[in-house]
Amino acid sequence: MSKVKYNVAQTIGSFKNEAGEKKYNYLNLGVVIEKENGHLSLKLNALPLPNEKGEVWVNLYPVEREY
């Protein structure tokens, strides 16, 4: 059975909280799934946008709980 291993997100902005700390806004783009044979697959639900340099960066965050 396949298992979701990572959430895929892109930073889309930042802000300062009430304490003056810089925080970031993220857009959830999809998931990385580990298949039964150990291979990883990327499933995108949305397309990432390039930054001002034309680069596309995404972040992988481990799934903290199983659904």
C-alpha atoms as a PDB file:
ATOM      1  CA  MET A   1       0.000   0.000   0.000  1.00  0.00           C
ATOM      2  CA  SER A   2       1.276   3.492  -0.863  1.00  0.00           C
ATOM      3  CA  LYS A   3       1.978   5.920   1.960  1.00  0.00           C
ATOM      4  CA  VAL A   4       2.133   9.736   1.962  1.00  0.00           C
ATOM      5  CA  LYS A   5       5.629  10.657   3.214  1.00  0.00           C
ATOM      6  CA  TYR A   6       5.901  14.427   2.608  1.00  0.00           C
ATOM      7  CA  ASN A   7       3.722  17.459   2.025  1.00  0.00           C
ATOM      8  CA  VAL A   8       4.978  19.670  -0.809  1.00  0.00           C
ATOM      9  CA  ALA A   9       4.671  23.433  -0.258  1.00  0.00           C
ATOM     10  CA  GLN A  10       5.937  26.679  -1.747  1.00  0.00           C
ATOM     11  CA  THR A  11       6.684  29.871   0.175  1.00  0.00           C
ATOM     12  CA  ILE A  12       4.437  32.576  -1.275  1.00  0.00           C
ATOM     13  CA  GLY A  13       5.103  35.497   1.094  1.00  0.00           C
ATOM     14  CA  SER A  14       6.132  36.623   4.527  1.00  0.00           C
ATOM     15  CA  PHE A  15       4.853  38.802   7.357  1.00  0.00           C
ATOM     16  CA  LYS A  16       5.782  39.881  10.877  1.00  0.00           C
ATOM     17  CA  ASN A  17       3.749  38.573  13.786  1.00  0.00           C
ATOM     18  CA  GLU A  18       2.769  40.604  16.860  1.00  0.00           C
ATOM     19  CA  ALA A  19       6.158  39.868  18.456  1.00  0.00           C
ATOM     20  CA  GLY A  20       7.962  41.248  15.387  1.00  0.00           C
ATOM     21  CA  GLU A  21       9.166  37.814  14.244  1.00  0.00           C
ATOM     22  CA  LYS A  22       9.303  37.087  10.512  1.00  0.00           C
ATOM     23  CA  LYS A  23       6.874  34.318   9.513  1.00  0.00           C
ATOM     24  CA  TYR A  24       6.130  32.790   6.123  1.00  0.00           C
ATOM     25  CA  ASN A  25       2.970  31.957   4.169  1.00  0.00           C
ATOM     26  CA  TYR A  26       2.930  28.641   2.324  1.00  0.00           C
ATOM     27  CA  LEU A  27       0.852  27.211  -0.508  1.00  0.00           C
ATOM     28  CA  ASN A  28       0.254  23.453  -0.340  1.00  0.00           C
ATOM     29  CA  LEU A  29       1.121  22.044  -3.785  1.00  0.00           C
ATOM     30  CA  GLY A  30       0.742  18.292  -3.265  1.00  0.00           C
ATOM     31  CA  VAL A  31       2.377  15.254  -1.675  1.00  0.00           C
ATOM     32  CA  VAL A  32       5.249  12.796  -2.085  1.00  0.00           C
ATOM     33  CA  ILE A  33       4.070   9.185  -1.915  1.00  0.00           C
ATOM     34  CA  GLU A  34       6.236   6.149  -1.145  1.00  0.00           C
ATOM     35  CA  LYS A  35       5.131   3.165  -3.208  1.00  0.00           C
ATOM     36  CA  GLU A  36       5.301  -0.477  -2.087  1.00  0.00           C
ATOM     37  CA  ASN A  37       8.589  -0.959  -3.985  1.00  0.00           C
ATOM     38  CA  GLY A  38      10.205   1.990  -2.125  1.00  0.00           C
ATOM     39  CA  HIS A  39      10.068   4.424  -5.052  1.00  0.00           C
ATOM     40  CA  LEU A  40       8.887   7.970  -4.385  1.00  0.00           C
ATOM     41  CA  SER A  41       6.294   9.719  -6.552  1.00  0.00           C
ATOM     42  CA  LEU A  42       5.333  13.394  -6.592  1.00  0.00           C
ATOM     43  CA  LYS A  43       1.633  14.257  -6.964  1.00  0.00           C
ATOM     44  CA  LEU A  44       0.946  17.932  -7.635  1.00  0.00           C
ATOM     45  CA  ASN A  45      -2.504  19.404  -7.005  1.00  0.00           C
ATOM     46  CA  ALA A  46      -1.343  22.884  -8.072  1.00  0.00           C
ATOM     47  CA  LEU A  47       1.526  24.194 -10.189  1.00  0.00           C
ATOM     48  CA  PRO A  48       4.320  26.129  -8.456  1.00  0.00           C
ATOM     49  CA  LEU A  49       5.057  29.673  -9.585  1.00  0.00           C
ATOM     50  CA  PRO A  50       8.567  30.894 -10.449  1.00  0.00           C
ATOM     51  CA  ASN A  51      10.195  33.619  -8.355  1.00  0.00           C
ATOM     52  CA  GLU A  52      11.534  36.911  -9.745  1.00  0.00           C
ATOM     53  CA  LYS A  53      14.643  35.051 -11.047  1.00  0.00           C
ATOM     54  CA  GLY A  54      12.536  32.464 -12.881  1.00  0.00           C
ATOM     55  CA  GLU A  55      13.418  29.740 -10.363  1.00  0.00           C
ATOM     56  CA  VAL A  56      10.918  27.330  -8.827  1.00  0.00           C
ATOM     57  CA  TRP A  57      11.638  26.223  -5.250  1.00  0.00           C
ATOM     58  CA  VAL A  58       9.442  23.872  -3.235  1.00  0.00           C
ATOM     59  CA  ASN A  59       9.747  22.576   0.331  1.00  0.00           C
ATOM     60  CA  LEU A  60       9.157  19.031   1.567  1.00  0.00           C
ATOM     61  CA  TYR A  61       7.732  18.633   5.063  1.00  0.00           C
ATOM     62  CA  PRO A  62       7.441  15.181   6.669  1.00  0.00           C
ATOM     63  CA  VAL A  63       3.858  14.112   7.316  1.00  0.00           C
ATOM     64  CA  GLU A  64       3.431  14.170  11.094  1.00  0.00           C
ATOM     65  CA  ARG A  65       0.390  11.940  11.247  1.00  0.00           C
ATOM     66  CA  GLU A  66      -1.216   9.277   9.093  1.00  0.00           C
ATOM     67  CA  TYR A  67      -4.673   9.836   7.654  1.00  0.00           C
END
